[in-house]
Amino acid sequence: MPRPRSFDDDAVIDAAMLAFWRGGYDGTPIGALEEATGVKRISLYNAWGDKEGLFVAALDRYHEGAKEVYEGTVAGGGLDGIQRLFRAMSAPAEEDAPVHSGCLMVNTVLDVRRMSDPVRRKVEGYRSMIQDAFLTALRNARDAGEMEGDDETLAARADFLLATLWGLLALIRQEGRTTAAGAAAGIAAETVESWRAAASGP
């Protein structure tokens, strides 16, 4: 009969997620995960199989935490929601906040040398969630008369927003501070505003 675990799974996943977020998968050895979680490696391996198993669980937790932002605030907020996202992600944050490390999913693309299929699927699922949120926001804005554009135009704009967002998150990752993306995020918000202006006319 297996012995009951002496730790809380959710707390361990949260701690591992923060460690991976700050250090990256390749840059976070199992010893660092022991220190971050307070759990010995043998117990981590028994619970999640190996380091990658814990990483996949951390990616799931990160995805779940972002759903409210993208599927709620962005998708339901039209053009205003998109602009708020770009302003918020580049705003000043507490010195030790993990957001200064950018985005765990974007960092995974940049940092993991040999991405396995399970990890790749997590990243692709996260990217699809963001792209769908942008597209939903644009469609809602069009339906509300805030902007114009056929389906092809809106899809292209959603692609542009995704690429811009991930590029800015990579910049934050490189510089180690959210405000590094401030100027470019402002231009992104202005670009979204120009779509609104095009709908309103002279």
Protein backbone atom coordinates (compact mmCIF):
# COMPACT_ATOMS: atom_id res chain seq x y z
CA MET A 1 0.00 0.00 0.00
CA PRO A 2 1.58 3.35 -1.02
CA ARG A 3 2.49 5.74 1.75
CA PRO A 4 0.49 8.99 1.86
CA ARG A 5 2.36 12.03 0.63
CA SER A 6 3.79 14.34 3.24
CA PHE A 7 3.42 17.41 1.03
CA ASP A 8 0.70 19.32 -0.76
CA ASP A 9 0.77 18.71 -4.52
CA ASP A 10 -0.60 22.14 -5.40
CA ALA A 11 1.97 23.94 -3.24
CA VAL A 12 4.80 21.95 -4.81
CA ILE A 13 3.59 22.64 -8.34
CA ASP A 14 3.25 26.34 -7.57
CA ALA A 15 6.78 26.50 -6.17
CA ALA A 16 8.19 24.53 -9.11
CA MET A 17 6.35 26.78 -11.56
CA LEU A 18 7.99 29.87 -10.06
CA ALA A 19 11.40 28.21 -10.13
CA PHE A 20 11.03 27.22 -13.79
CA TRP A 21 9.58 30.64 -14.64
CA ARG A 22 12.61 32.43 -13.24
CA GLY A 23 15.31 29.97 -14.25
CA GLY A 24 13.96 28.10 -17.27
CA TYR A 25 13.79 24.33 -17.66
CA ASP A 26 17.44 23.76 -18.55
CA GLY A 27 18.59 26.33 -15.99
CA THR A 28 16.70 24.78 -13.08
CA PRO A 29 18.42 21.59 -11.90
CA ILE A 30 16.66 19.09 -9.68
CA GLY A 31 18.60 20.42 -6.69
CA ALA A 32 17.08 23.85 -7.22
CA LEU A 33 13.64 22.25 -7.36
CA GLU A 34 14.32 20.46 -4.07
CA GLU A 35 15.22 23.79 -2.52
CA ALA A 36 12.25 25.65 -4.04
CA THR A 37 9.66 23.02 -3.10
CA GLY A 38 11.14 21.74 0.14
CA VAL A 39 10.65 18.20 -1.17
CA LYS A 40 13.41 15.63 -1.78
CA ARG A 41 14.02 14.53 -5.35
CA ILE A 42 12.99 10.94 -4.70
CA SER A 43 9.56 12.19 -3.60
CA LEU A 44 9.33 14.51 -6.60
CA TYR A 45 10.19 11.63 -8.92
CA ASN A 46 7.70 9.33 -7.22
CA ALA A 47 4.95 11.93 -7.66
CA TRP A 48 5.69 13.22 -11.17
CA GLY A 49 7.98 10.62 -12.73
CA ASP A 50 10.90 12.90 -13.49
CA LYS A 51 11.87 16.55 -13.82
CA GLU A 52 9.96 16.90 -17.09
CA GLY A 53 6.82 15.48 -15.52
CA LEU A 54 6.94 18.19 -12.87
CA PHE A 55 7.65 20.77 -15.58
CA VAL A 56 4.58 19.69 -17.55
CA ALA A 57 2.49 20.03 -14.38
CA ALA A 58 3.95 23.51 -13.90
CA LEU A 59 3.06 24.47 -17.47
CA ASP A 60 -0.51 23.30 -16.85
CA ARG A 61 -0.69 25.42 -13.70
CA TYR A 62 0.65 28.45 -15.57
CA HIS A 63 -1.92 27.95 -18.33
CA GLU A 64 -4.77 27.68 -15.85
CA GLY A 65 -3.63 30.86 -14.13
CA ALA A 66 -3.66 32.80 -17.40
CA LYS A 67 -7.13 31.73 -18.52
CA GLU A 68 -8.91 34.49 -16.62
CA VAL A 69 -6.75 37.11 -18.31
CA TYR A 70 -7.05 35.86 -21.88
CA GLU A 71 -10.39 34.09 -22.01
CA GLY A 72 -12.00 36.66 -19.72
CA THR A 73 -10.46 40.13 -19.74
CA VAL A 74 -9.01 40.09 -23.26
CA ALA A 75 -11.62 38.05 -25.14
CA GLY A 76 -14.52 39.83 -23.46
CA GLY A 77 -13.02 43.30 -23.53
CA GLY A 78 -12.91 44.12 -27.24
CA LEU A 79 -10.28 46.63 -28.29
CA ASP A 80 -10.10 48.08 -24.78
CA GLY A 81 -9.24 44.66 -23.36
CA ILE A 82 -6.41 44.20 -25.84
CA GLN A 83 -4.99 47.63 -25.05
CA ARG A 84 -5.19 46.97 -21.30
CA LEU A 85 -3.22 43.75 -21.78
CA PHE A 86 -0.31 45.49 -23.50
CA ARG A 87 -0.24 48.28 -20.94
CA ALA A 88 -0.43 45.88 -18.00
CA MET A 89 2.28 43.51 -19.19
CA SER A 90 4.78 46.36 -19.54
CA ALA A 91 3.86 48.22 -16.34
CA PRO A 92 6.28 48.47 -13.39
CA ALA A 93 6.14 45.53 -10.96
CA GLU A 94 7.57 44.62 -7.58
CA GLU A 95 11.29 43.95 -7.76
CA ASP A 96 11.02 40.23 -7.04
CA ALA A 97 7.88 39.62 -9.14
CA PRO A 98 8.20 36.66 -11.55
CA VAL A 99 6.74 38.76 -14.39
CA HIS A 100 10.18 40.34 -14.74
CA SER A 101 11.16 36.98 -16.23
CA GLY A 102 8.60 37.35 -19.03
CA CYS A 103 6.30 34.41 -19.79
CA LEU A 104 6.97 30.80 -18.80
CA MET A 105 5.66 29.54 -22.16
CA VAL A 106 7.68 31.98 -24.25
CA ASN A 107 10.74 31.24 -22.13
CA THR A 108 10.25 27.55 -22.82
CA VAL A 109 10.43 28.19 -26.56
CA LEU A 110 13.59 30.25 -26.08
CA ASP A 111 15.36 28.16 -23.45
CA VAL A 112 14.57 24.47 -23.92
CA ARG A 113 17.16 22.98 -26.25
CA ARG A 114 15.28 19.79 -27.06
CA MET A 115 11.55 20.30 -26.55
CA SER A 116 9.70 17.01 -26.08
CA ASP A 117 6.30 16.34 -27.59
CA PRO A 118 4.44 16.74 -24.27
CA VAL A 119 6.10 20.10 -23.64
CA ARG A 120 5.54 21.21 -27.21
CA ARG A 121 1.83 20.41 -26.94
CA LYS A 122 1.54 22.54 -23.80
CA VAL A 123 3.20 25.50 -25.50
CA GLU A 124 1.06 25.13 -28.62
CA GLY A 125 -2.10 24.91 -26.52
CA TYR A 126 -1.17 28.08 -24.67
CA ARG A 127 -0.40 29.92 -27.90
CA SER A 128 -3.75 28.84 -29.35
CA MET A 129 -5.56 30.13 -26.27
CA ILE A 130 -4.01 33.58 -26.69
CA GLN A 131 -4.63 33.70 -30.43
CA ASP A 132 -8.26 32.64 -29.94
CA ALA A 133 -8.68 35.31 -27.26
CA PHE A 134 -7.37 38.01 -29.57
CA LEU A 135 -9.58 36.84 -32.43
CA THR A 136 -12.65 36.71 -30.18
CA ALA A 137 -11.93 40.24 -28.92
CA LEU A 138 -11.60 41.54 -32.47
CA ARG A 139 -14.81 39.85 -33.59
CA ASN A 140 -16.64 41.27 -30.58
CA ALA A 141 -15.29 44.71 -31.41
CA ARG A 142 -16.47 44.38 -35.00
CA ASP A 143 -19.90 43.18 -33.91
CA ALA A 144 -20.17 46.15 -31.55
CA GLY A 145 -19.28 48.56 -34.36
CA GLU A 146 -15.91 49.49 -32.82
CA MET A 147 -13.95 48.41 -35.89
CA GLU A 148 -14.31 47.06 -39.39
CA GLY A 149 -12.69 44.14 -41.17
CA ASP A 150 -13.54 40.84 -42.79
CA ASP A 151 -12.66 37.51 -41.20
CA GLU A 152 -9.33 37.31 -43.04
CA THR A 153 -8.33 40.77 -41.81
CA LEU A 154 -9.25 39.95 -38.22
CA ALA A 155 -7.30 36.68 -38.35
CA ALA A 156 -4.23 38.55 -39.65
CA ARG A 157 -4.57 41.12 -36.88
CA ALA A 158 -4.84 38.37 -34.27
CA ASP A 159 -1.62 36.87 -35.68
CA PHE A 160 0.04 40.30 -35.45
CA LEU A 161 -1.06 40.75 -31.83
CA LEU A 162 0.20 37.32 -30.84
CA ALA A 163 3.57 37.85 -32.53
CA THR A 164 3.91 41.30 -30.96
CA LEU A 165 3.00 40.05 -27.49
CA TRP A 166 5.43 37.13 -27.60
CA GLY A 167 8.19 39.35 -28.95
CA LEU A 168 7.69 41.82 -26.11
CA LEU A 169 7.67 39.02 -23.55
CA ALA A 170 10.97 37.77 -24.99
CA LEU A 171 12.37 41.29 -24.60
CA ILE A 172 11.25 41.36 -20.96
CA ARG A 173 12.90 37.96 -20.46
CA GLN A 174 16.16 39.24 -21.93
CA GLU A 175 16.22 42.53 -20.03
CA GLY A 176 14.81 41.17 -16.77
CA ARG A 177 12.27 43.97 -16.27
CA THR A 178 8.72 44.50 -17.45
CA THR A 179 9.28 48.16 -18.32
CA ALA A 180 11.74 47.17 -21.04
CA ALA A 181 8.68 46.56 -23.24
CA GLY A 182 6.98 49.84 -22.34
CA ALA A 183 7.66 51.85 -25.49
CA ALA A 184 6.86 49.01 -27.91
CA ALA A 185 3.76 48.01 -25.93
CA GLY A 186 2.57 51.60 -26.20
CA ILE A 187 2.93 51.45 -29.97
CA ALA A 188 0.96 48.20 -30.02
CA ALA A 189 -1.85 49.88 -28.06
CA GLU A 190 -1.76 52.83 -30.47
CA THR A 191 -2.00 50.43 -33.41
CA VAL A 192 -5.11 48.88 -31.90
CA GLU A 193 -6.53 52.37 -31.41
CA SER A 194 -5.96 53.10 -35.10
CA TRP A 195 -8.23 50.16 -35.96
CA ARG A 196 -10.95 51.83 -33.93
CA ALA A 197 -10.31 55.16 -35.62
CA ALA A 198 -10.59 53.54 -39.05
CA ALA A 199 -14.07 52.34 -38.13
CA SER A 200 -15.28 55.72 -36.86
CA GLY A 201 -14.08 57.63 -39.92
CA PRO A 202 -13.47 61.39 -40.21
